[in-house]
Structure formats: C-alpha cells, structure tokens
C-alpha cells in the first residue's frame, strides 16, 4: 500500500514535470528565443542598415547572437540537471542518515543506535 502511494506520487510528479518542461520549451525556448528575439534583432538591424550601417555587421551580429543563444540554452539545461541531481542526492542522504528499525519476530524493537 505504501509502495503504491509512493509510486502514484512519483508518477504525478513526473507528469507535472513533463507539463512544465513542455510549456517552457514550447513558449520560452521555441517561441521567444527562436522567433521573437531574432525577429526583433533583424527588424532593428534593418533600420540601422537603412540609416547607413554596413549589412556585414548585421550578419555578423546575428551569427554571434545565434551562438550565444545556444550557449545560454546549454547553460540553463545544465542548471536544471544540477537541481534535479541535488534533489536526488538529498533523498539518498536522507535514507542513509535515517535510524534503522530492527524487527524481532512480529514486533518492532526500538531503533538500533550505532
């Protein structure tokens, strides 16, 4: 019974994480960073080109921006993985630090102190 409750809770948390990750990648990553930012840069860059800036500078800036965007995305993914790992490590240390119970027959005896 306890295992089933824990398993159901884990399943619910995995589903919640999948929904939040999906919304993040759909809206923040795909829409904002892949569409809005380059469009805004290209629009503002075209205004600057019409005012006399060399188009080569705009192309170079757009390429640098694309590389920087990839690096920031990788950094954010690494930070997310680090938070997940720290949560898992906390659970493991919690299990290691707990006081074990000792069973004698059908009765539970006081915790064993090491």
Foldseek 3Di string as FASTA:
>chain_A
DVVVVVVVVVVVVVVVVVVVVVVCCVPVVCPCLVPVVLVVLVVVVVVVVVVPDDVVVSVVVSVVSVVVSVVVVVVVVVVVVVVVVVVVVVVVVVVVPDFDWDDDPPDIDPTDDD
